[in-house]
Amino acid sequence: MPSMMELTPRATIQLPLGGENIIPLGKFSGKQECWPRFIQTFKAMVDKQPYEPILKLAILEQHIIGQAKDCIKGFPFDEKSYPLVLKTLEDRFW
């Protein structure tokens, strides 16, 4: 199974948590075999954290490309879309 580093270049994000909290998170391109690693990492680092849904959506959108990005193009950028976007991706790539 390829590692996240083999899929796409690494991206880092800074979250407004105070201080210099940097989370390395790869980008998911839509390769189904890479989905479990990406989503488990994303959920641990972002989804399970006490961030506003709109921030979670922004982070998620910044870390998906290609086929995965195409799956969510029709969703508006608002806090209500975050759980729907996440479910759409999970339904498509699990």
PDB file of N, CA and C in Angstrom:
ATOM      1  N   MET A   1       0.854  -1.179   0.000  1.00  0.00           N
ATOM      2  CA  MET A   1       0.000   0.000   0.000  1.00  0.00           C
ATOM      3  C   MET A   1       0.900   1.244   0.000  1.00  0.00           C
ATOM      4  N   PRO A   2       0.641   2.194  -0.905  1.00  0.00           N
ATOM      5  CA  PRO A   2       1.483   3.393  -0.951  1.00  0.00           C
ATOM      6  C   PRO A   2       1.255   4.263   0.268  1.00  0.00           C
ATOM      7  N   SER A   3       2.298   4.957   0.648  1.00  0.00           N
ATOM      8  CA  SER A   3       2.164   5.887   1.774  1.00  0.00           C
ATOM      9  C   SER A   3       1.618   7.203   1.263  1.00  0.00           C
ATOM     10  N   MET A   4       1.184   8.055   2.177  1.00  0.00           N
ATOM     11  CA  MET A   4       0.670   9.364   1.786  1.00  0.00           C
ATOM     12  C   MET A   4       1.725  10.159   1.039  1.00  0.00           C
ATOM     13  N   MET A   5       2.983   9.986   1.392  1.00  0.00           N
ATOM     14  CA  MET A   5       4.050  10.735   0.749  1.00  0.00           C
ATOM     15  C   MET A   5       4.181  10.360  -0.721  1.00  0.00           C
ATOM     16  N   GLU A   6       3.809   9.143  -1.081  1.00  0.00           N
ATOM     17  CA  GLU A   6       3.908   8.707  -2.463  1.00  0.00           C
ATOM     18  C   GLU A   6       2.753   9.226  -3.314  1.00  0.00           C
ATOM     19  N   LEU A   7       1.691   9.650  -2.684  1.00  0.00           N
ATOM     20  CA  LEU A   7       0.502  10.054  -3.419  1.00  0.00           C
ATOM     21  C   LEU A   7       0.622  11.462  -3.980  1.00  0.00           C
ATOM     22  N   THR A   8       0.879  12.385  -3.139  1.00  0.00           N
ATOM     23  CA  THR A   8       0.931  13.785  -3.528  1.00  0.00           C
ATOM     24  C   THR A   8       1.919  14.492  -2.628  1.00  0.00           C
ATOM     25  N   PRO A   9       2.335  15.671  -3.006  1.00  0.00           N
ATOM     26  CA  PRO A   9       3.221  16.420  -2.108  1.00  0.00           C
ATOM     27  C   PRO A   9       2.539  16.682  -0.776  1.00  0.00           C
ATOM     28  N   ARG A  10       3.300  16.759   0.273  1.00  0.00           N
ATOM     29  CA  ARG A  10       2.758  17.045   1.599  1.00  0.00           C
ATOM     30  C   ARG A  10       2.316  18.484   1.701  1.00  0.00           C
ATOM     31  N   ALA A  11       1.317  18.688   2.449  1.00  0.00           N
ATOM     32  CA  ALA A  11       0.839  20.040   2.710  1.00  0.00           C
ATOM     33  C   ALA A  11       0.863  20.235   4.210  1.00  0.00           C
ATOM     34  N   THR A  12       1.087  21.437   4.647  1.00  0.00           N
ATOM     35  CA  THR A  12       0.975  21.728   6.067  1.00  0.00           C
ATOM     36  C   THR A  12      -0.052  22.823   6.239  1.00  0.00           C
ATOM     37  N   ILE A  13      -0.746  22.759   7.329  1.00  0.00           N
ATOM     38  CA  ILE A  13      -1.745  23.769   7.625  1.00  0.00           C
ATOM     39  C   ILE A  13      -1.486  24.305   9.011  1.00  0.00           C
ATOM     40  N   GLN A  14      -1.787  25.559   9.206  1.00  0.00           N
ATOM     41  CA  GLN A  14      -1.705  26.144  10.535  1.00  0.00           C
ATOM     42  C   GLN A  14      -3.123  26.408  11.000  1.00  0.00           C
ATOM     43  N   LEU A  15      -3.423  25.892  12.148  1.00  0.00           N
ATOM     44  CA  LEU A  15      -4.753  26.058  12.693  1.00  0.00           C
ATOM     45  C   LEU A  15      -4.725  27.113  13.787  1.00  0.00           C
ATOM     46  N   PRO A  16      -5.814  27.847  13.941  1.00  0.00           N
ATOM     47  CA  PRO A  16      -5.858  28.923  14.934  1.00  0.00           C
ATOM     48  C   PRO A  16      -6.025  28.382  16.344  1.00  0.00           C
ATOM     49  N   LEU A  17      -4.990  27.720  16.833  1.00  0.00           N
ATOM     50  CA  LEU A  17      -5.060  27.116  18.148  1.00  0.00           C
ATOM     51  C   LEU A  17      -4.175  27.838  19.155  1.00  0.00           C
ATOM     52  N   GLY A  18      -3.565  28.904  18.708  1.00  0.00           N
ATOM     53  CA  GLY A  18      -2.604  29.583  19.568  1.00  0.00           C
ATOM     54  C   GLY A  18      -1.250  28.934  19.381  1.00  0.00           C
ATOM     55  N   GLY A  19      -0.247  29.720  19.264  1.00  0.00           N
ATOM     56  CA  GLY A  19       1.080  29.162  19.060  1.00  0.00           C
ATOM     57  C   GLY A  19       1.285  28.708  17.631  1.00  0.00           C
ATOM     58  N   GLU A  20       2.274  27.906  17.436  1.00  0.00           N
ATOM     59  CA  GLU A  20       2.630  27.426  16.100  1.00  0.00           C
ATOM     60  C   GLU A  20       2.250  25.956  15.958  1.00  0.00           C
ATOM     61  N   ASN A  21       0.994  25.649  15.922  1.00  0.00           N
ATOM     62  CA  ASN A  21       0.534  24.274  15.767  1.00  0.00           C
ATOM     63  C   ASN A  21       0.423  23.945  14.290  1.00  0.00           C
ATOM     64  N   ILE A  22       1.326  23.116  13.808  1.00  0.00           N
ATOM     65  CA  ILE A  22       1.343  22.754  12.397  1.00  0.00           C
ATOM     66  C   ILE A  22       1.015  21.277  12.276  1.00  0.00           C
ATOM     67  N   ILE A  23       0.085  20.979  11.411  1.00  0.00           N
ATOM     68  CA  ILE A  23      -0.337  19.601  11.193  1.00  0.00           C
ATOM     69  C   ILE A  23       0.016  19.200   9.762  1.00  0.00           C
ATOM     70  N   PRO A  24       0.883  18.211   9.583  1.00  0.00           N
ATOM     71  CA  PRO A  24       1.149  17.731   8.231  1.00  0.00           C
ATOM     72  C   PRO A  24       0.012  16.798   7.801  1.00  0.00           C
ATOM     73  N   LEU A  25      -0.524  17.038   6.647  1.00  0.00           N
ATOM     74  CA  LEU A  25      -1.617  16.219   6.143  1.00  0.00           C
ATOM     75  C   LEU A  25      -1.473  16.135   4.636  1.00  0.00           C
ATOM     76  N   GLY A  26      -1.389  14.940   4.118  1.00  0.00           N
ATOM     77  CA  GLY A  26      -1.257  14.760   2.675  1.00  0.00           C
ATOM     78  C   GLY A  26      -2.536  15.143   1.951  1.00  0.00           C
ATOM     79  N   LYS A  27      -2.472  15.107   0.643  1.00  0.00           N
ATOM     80  CA  LYS A  27      -3.649  15.389  -0.172  1.00  0.00           C
ATOM     81  C   LYS A  27      -4.191  14.087  -0.736  1.00  0.00           C
ATOM     82  N   PHE A  28      -5.510  13.984  -0.764  1.00  0.00           N
ATOM     83  CA  PHE A  28      -6.171  12.797  -1.295  1.00  0.00           C
ATOM     84  C   PHE A  28      -6.675  13.094  -2.691  1.00  0.00           C
ATOM     85  N   SER A  29      -6.276  12.258  -3.647  1.00  0.00           N
ATOM     86  CA  SER A  29      -6.606  12.501  -5.045  1.00  0.00           C
ATOM     87  C   SER A  29      -7.792  11.688  -5.554  1.00  0.00           C
ATOM     88  N   GLY A  30      -8.248  10.738  -4.768  1.00  0.00           N
ATOM     89  CA  GLY A  30      -9.354   9.910  -5.214  1.00  0.00           C
ATOM     90  C   GLY A  30      -8.966   8.453  -5.401  1.00  0.00           C
ATOM     91  N   LYS A  31      -7.718   8.110  -5.134  1.00  0.00           N
ATOM     92  CA  LYS A  31      -7.308   6.707  -5.219  1.00  0.00           C
ATOM     93  C   LYS A  31      -7.904   5.972  -4.026  1.00  0.00           C
ATOM     94  N   GLN A  32      -8.815   5.057  -4.331  1.00  0.00           N
ATOM     95  CA  GLN A  32      -9.578   4.397  -3.277  1.00  0.00           C
ATOM     96  C   GLN A  32      -8.689   3.679  -2.267  1.00  0.00           C
ATOM     97  N   GLU A  33      -7.602   3.094  -2.710  1.00  0.00           N
ATOM     98  CA  GLU A  33      -6.729   2.362  -1.792  1.00  0.00           C
ATOM     99  C   GLU A  33      -6.028   3.295  -0.791  1.00  0.00           C
ATOM    100  N   CYS A  34      -6.016   4.577  -1.071  1.00  0.00           N
ATOM    101  CA  CYS A  34      -5.376   5.550  -0.176  1.00  0.00           C
ATOM    102  C   CYS A  34      -6.374   6.222   0.765  1.00  0.00           C
ATOM    103  N   TRP A  35      -7.654   6.005   0.536  1.00  0.00           N
ATOM    104  CA  TRP A  35      -8.685   6.654   1.328  1.00  0.00           C
ATOM    105  C   TRP A  35      -8.609   6.330   2.830  1.00  0.00           C
ATOM    106  N   PRO A  36      -8.508   5.044   3.220  1.00  0.00           N
ATOM    107  CA  PRO A  36      -8.515   4.755   4.667  1.00  0.00           C
ATOM    108  C   PRO A  36      -7.441   5.524   5.440  1.00  0.00           C
ATOM    109  N   ARG A  37      -6.240   5.590   4.920  1.00  0.00           N
ATOM    110  CA  ARG A  37      -5.164   6.298   5.611  1.00  0.00           C
ATOM    111  C   ARG A  37      -5.467   7.795   5.680  1.00  0.00           C
ATOM    112  N   PHE A  38      -5.916   8.357   4.563  1.00  0.00           N
ATOM    113  CA  PHE A  38      -6.204   9.790   4.550  1.00  0.00           C
ATOM    114  C   PHE A  38      -7.316  10.140   5.536  1.00  0.00           C
ATOM    115  N   ILE A  39      -8.449   9.429   5.454  1.00  0.00           N
ATOM    116  CA  ILE A  39      -9.599   9.821   6.261  1.00  0.00           C
ATOM    117  C   ILE A  39      -9.359   9.577   7.750  1.00  0.00           C
ATOM    118  N   GLN A  40      -8.636   8.527   8.093  1.00  0.00           N
ATOM    119  CA  GLN A  40      -8.330   8.280   9.498  1.00  0.00           C
ATOM    120  C   GLN A  40      -7.423   9.375  10.055  1.00  0.00           C
ATOM    121  N   THR A  41      -6.456   9.798   9.247  1.00  0.00           N
ATOM    122  CA  THR A  41      -5.571  10.880   9.665  1.00  0.00           C
ATOM    123  C   THR A  41      -6.354  12.184   9.783  1.00  0.00           C
ATOM    124  N   PHE A  42      -7.176  12.470   8.780  1.00  0.00           N
ATOM    125  CA  PHE A  42      -7.984  13.691   8.796  1.00  0.00           C
ATOM    126  C   PHE A  42      -8.899  13.727  10.013  1.00  0.00           C
ATOM    127  N   LYS A  43      -9.565  12.616  10.286  1.00  0.00           N
ATOM    128  CA  LYS A  43     -10.495  12.597  11.425  1.00  0.00           C
ATOM    129  C   LYS A  43      -9.774  12.817  12.744  1.00  0.00           C
ATOM    130  N   ALA A  44      -8.605  12.207  12.898  1.00  0.00           N
ATOM    131  CA  ALA A  44      -7.855  12.378  14.144  1.00  0.00           C
ATOM    132  C   ALA A  44      -7.348  13.803  14.309  1.00  0.00           C
ATOM    133  N   MET A  45      -6.887  14.399  13.224  1.00  0.00           N
ATOM    134  CA  MET A  45      -6.255  15.715  13.306  1.00  0.00           C
ATOM    135  C   MET A  45      -7.220  16.878  13.180  1.00  0.00           C
ATOM    136  N   VAL A  46      -8.360  16.651  12.543  1.00  0.00           N
ATOM    137  CA  VAL A  46      -9.272  17.762  12.267  1.00  0.00           C
ATOM    138  C   VAL A  46     -10.693  17.475  12.757  1.00  0.00           C
ATOM    139  N   ASP A  47     -11.298  16.409  12.280  1.00  0.00           N
ATOM    140  CA  ASP A  47     -12.713  16.154  12.541  1.00  0.00           C
ATOM    141  C   ASP A  47     -13.034  16.001  14.032  1.00  0.00           C
ATOM    142  N   LYS A  48     -12.169  15.342  14.767  1.00  0.00           N
ATOM    143  CA  LYS A  48     -12.428  15.115  16.190  1.00  0.00           C
ATOM    144  C   LYS A  48     -12.017  16.287  17.069  1.00  0.00           C
ATOM    145  N   GLN A  49     -11.528  17.332  16.462  1.00  0.00           N
ATOM    146  CA  GLN A  49     -11.104  18.509  17.219  1.00  0.00           C
ATOM    147  C   GLN A  49     -12.279  19.494  17.360  1.00  0.00           C
ATOM    148  N   PRO A  50     -12.213  20.387  18.319  1.00  0.00           N
ATOM    149  CA  PRO A  50     -13.339  21.295  18.564  1.00  0.00           C
ATOM    150  C   PRO A  50     -13.352  22.521  17.645  1.00  0.00           C
ATOM    151  N   TYR A  51     -13.093  22.316  16.360  1.00  0.00           N
ATOM    152  CA  TYR A  51     -13.103  23.425  15.399  1.00  0.00           C
ATOM    153  C   TYR A  51     -14.513  23.627  14.875  1.00  0.00           C
ATOM    154  N   GLU A  52     -14.785  24.818  14.422  1.00  0.00           N
ATOM    155  CA  GLU A  52     -16.073  25.118  13.795  1.00  0.00           C
ATOM    156  C   GLU A  52     -16.199  24.291  12.512  1.00  0.00           C
ATOM    157  N   PRO A  53     -17.411  23.852  12.158  1.00  0.00           N
ATOM    158  CA  PRO A  53     -17.601  23.062  10.944  1.00  0.00           C
ATOM    159  C   PRO A  53     -17.075  23.748   9.678  1.00  0.00           C
ATOM    160  N   ILE A  54     -17.200  25.053   9.592  1.00  0.00           N
ATOM    161  CA  ILE A  54     -16.730  25.753   8.393  1.00  0.00           C
ATOM    162  C   ILE A  54     -15.215  25.658   8.266  1.00  0.00           C
ATOM    163  N   LEU A  55     -14.506  25.666   9.383  1.00  0.00           N
ATOM    164  CA  LEU A  55     -13.054  25.506   9.359  1.00  0.00           C
ATOM    165  C   LEU A  55     -12.686  24.084   8.951  1.00  0.00           C
ATOM    166  N   LYS A  56     -13.402  23.104   9.465  1.00  0.00           N
ATOM    167  CA  LYS A  56     -13.167  21.714   9.072  1.00  0.00           C
ATOM    168  C   LYS A  56     -13.376  21.538   7.572  1.00  0.00           C
ATOM    169  N   LEU A  57     -14.427  22.160   7.042  1.00  0.00           N
ATOM    170  CA  LEU A  57     -14.693  22.080   5.611  1.00  0.00           C
ATOM    171  C   LEU A  57     -13.578  22.730   4.808  1.00  0.00           C
ATOM    172  N   ALA A  58     -13.117  23.875   5.248  1.00  0.00           N
ATOM    173  CA  ALA A  58     -12.035  24.569   4.550  1.00  0.00           C
ATOM    174  C   ALA A  58     -10.765  23.717   4.527  1.00  0.00           C
ATOM    175  N   ILE A  59     -10.449  23.101   5.646  1.00  0.00           N
ATOM    176  CA  ILE A  59      -9.260  22.246   5.708  1.00  0.00           C
ATOM    177  C   ILE A  59      -9.430  21.044   4.793  1.00  0.00           C
ATOM    178  N   LEU A  60     -10.591  20.419   4.851  1.00  0.00           N
ATOM    179  CA  LEU A  60     -10.849  19.260   3.992  1.00  0.00           C
ATOM    180  C   LEU A  60     -10.717  19.626   2.519  1.00  0.00           C
ATOM    181  N   GLU A  61     -11.329  20.738   2.122  1.00  0.00           N
ATOM    182  CA  GLU A  61     -11.264  21.166   0.720  1.00  0.00           C
ATOM    183  C   GLU A  61      -9.831  21.434   0.265  1.00  0.00           C
ATOM    184  N   GLN A  62      -8.996  21.912   1.162  1.00  0.00           N
ATOM    185  CA  GLN A  62      -7.604  22.189   0.817  1.00  0.00           C
ATOM    186  C   GLN A  62      -6.775  20.920   0.663  1.00  0.00           C
ATOM    187  N   HIS A  63      -7.294  19.788   1.133  1.00  0.00           N
ATOM    188  CA  HIS A  63      -6.519  18.561   1.127  1.00  0.00           C
ATOM    189  C   HIS A  63      -7.096  17.463   0.245  1.00  0.00           C
ATOM    190  N   ILE A  64      -8.006  17.839  -0.633  1.00  0.00           N
ATOM    191  CA  ILE A  64      -8.481  16.888  -1.636  1.00  0.00           C
ATOM    192  C   ILE A  64      -8.320  17.506  -3.015  1.00  0.00           C
ATOM    193  N   ILE A  65      -8.007  16.649  -3.970  1.00  0.00           N
ATOM    194  CA  ILE A  65      -7.787  17.078  -5.347  1.00  0.00           C
ATOM    195  C   ILE A  65      -8.395  16.049  -6.296  1.00  0.00           C
ATOM    196  N   GLY A  66      -8.406  16.372  -7.562  1.00  0.00           N
ATOM    197  CA  GLY A  66      -8.823  15.421  -8.591  1.00  0.00           C
ATOM    198  C   GLY A  66     -10.230  14.899  -8.418  1.00  0.00           C
ATOM    199  N   GLN A  67     -10.357  13.583  -8.537  1.00  0.00           N
ATOM    200  CA  GLN A  67     -11.652  12.902  -8.438  1.00  0.00           C
ATOM    201  C   GLN A  67     -12.372  13.228  -7.133  1.00  0.00           C
ATOM    202  N   ALA A  68     -11.627  13.263  -6.057  1.00  0.00           N
ATOM    203  CA  ALA A  68     -12.237  13.550  -4.753  1.00  0.00           C
ATOM    204  C   ALA A  68     -12.836  14.956  -4.739  1.00  0.00           C
ATOM    205  N   LYS A  69     -12.124  15.915  -5.280  1.00  0.00           N
ATOM    206  CA  LYS A  69     -12.613  17.302  -5.341  1.00  0.00           C
ATOM    207  C   LYS A  69     -13.861  17.385  -6.221  1.00  0.00           C
ATOM    208  N   ASP A  70     -13.854  16.636  -7.318  1.00  0.00           N
ATOM    209  CA  ASP A  70     -14.997  16.630  -8.229  1.00  0.00           C
ATOM    210  C   ASP A  70     -16.281  16.155  -7.542  1.00  0.00           C
ATOM    211  N   CYS A  71     -16.155  15.243  -6.582  1.00  0.00           N
ATOM    212  CA  CYS A  71     -17.323  14.683  -5.876  1.00  0.00           C
ATOM    213  C   CYS A  71     -18.082  15.723  -5.056  1.00  0.00           C
ATOM    214  N   ILE A  72     -17.414  16.796  -4.684  1.00  0.00           N
ATOM    215  CA  ILE A  72     -18.050  17.752  -3.765  1.00  0.00           C
ATOM    216  C   ILE A  72     -18.278  19.124  -4.385  1.00  0.00           C
ATOM    217  N   LYS A  73     -18.078  19.242  -5.683  1.00  0.00           N
ATOM    218  CA  LYS A  73     -18.188  20.543  -6.348  1.00  0.00           C
ATOM    219  C   LYS A  73     -19.526  21.245  -6.149  1.00  0.00           C
ATOM    220  N   GLY A  74     -20.601  20.516  -6.032  1.00  0.00           N
ATOM    221  CA  GLY A  74     -21.920  21.133  -5.951  1.00  0.00           C
ATOM    222  C   GLY A  74     -22.328  21.641  -4.573  1.00  0.00           C
ATOM    223  N   PHE A  75     -21.533  21.363  -3.564  1.00  0.00           N
ATOM    224  CA  PHE A  75     -21.897  21.773  -2.209  1.00  0.00           C
ATOM    225  C   PHE A  75     -21.537  23.237  -1.952  1.00  0.00           C
ATOM    226  N   PRO A  76     -22.436  23.976  -1.301  1.00  0.00           N
ATOM    227  CA  PRO A  76     -22.085  25.355  -0.933  1.00  0.00           C
ATOM    228  C   PRO A  76     -21.038  25.350   0.177  1.00  0.00           C
ATOM    229  N   PHE A  77     -20.293  26.426   0.256  1.00  0.00           N
ATOM    230  CA  PHE A  77     -19.288  26.548   1.310  1.00  0.00           C
ATOM    231  C   PHE A  77     -19.952  27.178   2.527  1.00  0.00           C
ATOM    232  N   ASP A  78     -20.513  26.306   3.381  1.00  0.00           N
ATOM    233  CA  ASP A  78     -21.105  26.761   4.638  1.00  0.00           C
ATOM    234  C   ASP A  78     -21.025  25.639   5.662  1.00  0.00           C
ATOM    235  N   GLU A  79     -21.282  25.982   6.916  1.00  0.00           N
ATOM    236  CA  GLU A  79     -21.093  25.008   7.988  1.00  0.00           C
ATOM    237  C   GLU A  79     -22.020  23.810   7.891  1.00  0.00           C
ATOM    238  N   LYS A  80     -23.188  23.969   7.286  1.00  0.00           N
ATOM    239  CA  LYS A  80     -24.117  22.853   7.139  1.00  0.00           C
ATOM    240  C   LYS A  80     -23.618  21.827   6.122  1.00  0.00           C
ATOM    241  N   SER A  81     -22.751  22.253   5.226  1.00  0.00           N
ATOM    242  CA  SER A  81     -22.248  21.350   4.192  1.00  0.00           C
ATOM    243  C   SER A  81     -21.183  20.382   4.696  1.00  0.00           C
ATOM    244  N   TYR A  82     -20.488  20.744   5.768  1.00  0.00           N
ATOM    245  CA  TYR A  82     -19.371  19.898   6.210  1.00  0.00           C
ATOM    246  C   TYR A  82     -19.763  18.431   6.414  1.00  0.00           C
ATOM    247  N   PRO A  83     -20.788  18.114   7.229  1.00  0.00           N
ATOM    248  CA  PRO A  83     -21.113  16.691   7.412  1.00  0.00           C
ATOM    249  C   PRO A  83     -21.581  16.025   6.118  1.00  0.00           C
ATOM    250  N   LEU A  84     -22.232  16.776   5.247  1.00  0.00           N
ATOM    251  CA  LEU A  84     -22.700  16.218   3.974  1.00  0.00           C
ATOM    252  C   LEU A  84     -21.528  15.911   3.037  1.00  0.00           C
ATOM    253  N   VAL A  85     -20.562  16.815   3.008  1.00  0.00           N
ATOM    254  CA  VAL A  85     -19.369  16.614   2.185  1.00  0.00           C
ATOM    255  C   VAL A  85     -18.595  15.404   2.688  1.00  0.00           C
ATOM    256  N   LEU A  86     -18.412  15.319   3.988  1.00  0.00           N
ATOM    257  CA  LEU A  86     -17.689  14.202   4.568  1.00  0.00           C
ATOM    258  C   LEU A  86     -18.385  12.880   4.259  1.00  0.00           C
ATOM    259  N   LYS A  87     -19.696  12.841   4.414  1.00  0.00           N
ATOM    260  CA  LYS A  87     -20.455  11.619   4.126  1.00  0.00           C
ATOM    261  C   LYS A  87     -20.384  11.265   2.646  1.00  0.00           C
ATOM    262  N   THR A  88     -20.452  12.252   1.779  1.00  0.00           N
ATOM    263  CA  THR A  88     -20.356  12.006   0.336  1.00  0.00           C
ATOM    264  C   THR A  88     -19.017  11.356  -0.007  1.00  0.00           C
ATOM    265  N   LEU A  89     -17.951  11.883   0.544  1.00  0.00           N
ATOM    266  CA  LEU A  89     -16.623  11.314   0.297  1.00  0.00           C
ATOM    267  C   LEU A  89     -16.511   9.904   0.878  1.00  0.00           C
ATOM    268  N   GLU A  90     -17.027   9.707   2.075  1.00  0.00           N
ATOM    269  CA  GLU A  90     -16.963   8.376   2.693  1.00  0.00           C
ATOM    270  C   GLU A  90     -17.767   7.368   1.872  1.00  0.00           C
ATOM    271  N   ASP A  91     -18.951   7.738   1.415  1.00  0.00           N
ATOM    272  CA  ASP A  91     -19.771   6.839   0.613  1.00  0.00           C
ATOM    273  C   ASP A  91     -19.089   6.487  -0.700  1.00  0.00           C
ATOM    274  N   ARG A  92     -18.397   7.446  -1.271  1.00  0.00           N
ATOM    275  CA  ARG A  92     -17.752   7.242  -2.574  1.00  0.00           C
ATOM    276  C   ARG A  92     -16.456   6.438  -2.484  1.00  0.00           C
ATOM    277  N   PHE A  93     -15.664   6.683  -1.443  1.00  0.00           N
ATOM    278  CA  PHE A  93     -14.319   6.094  -1.424  1.00  0.00           C
ATOM    279  C   PHE A  93     -14.102   4.963  -0.430  1.00  0.00           C
ATOM    280  N   TRP A  94     -15.034   4.689   0.481  1.00  0.00           N
ATOM    281  CA  TRP A  94     -14.865   3.543   1.381  1.00  0.00           C
ATOM    282  C   TRP A  94     -15.051   2.292   0.620  1.00  0.00           C
TER     283      TRP A  94
END
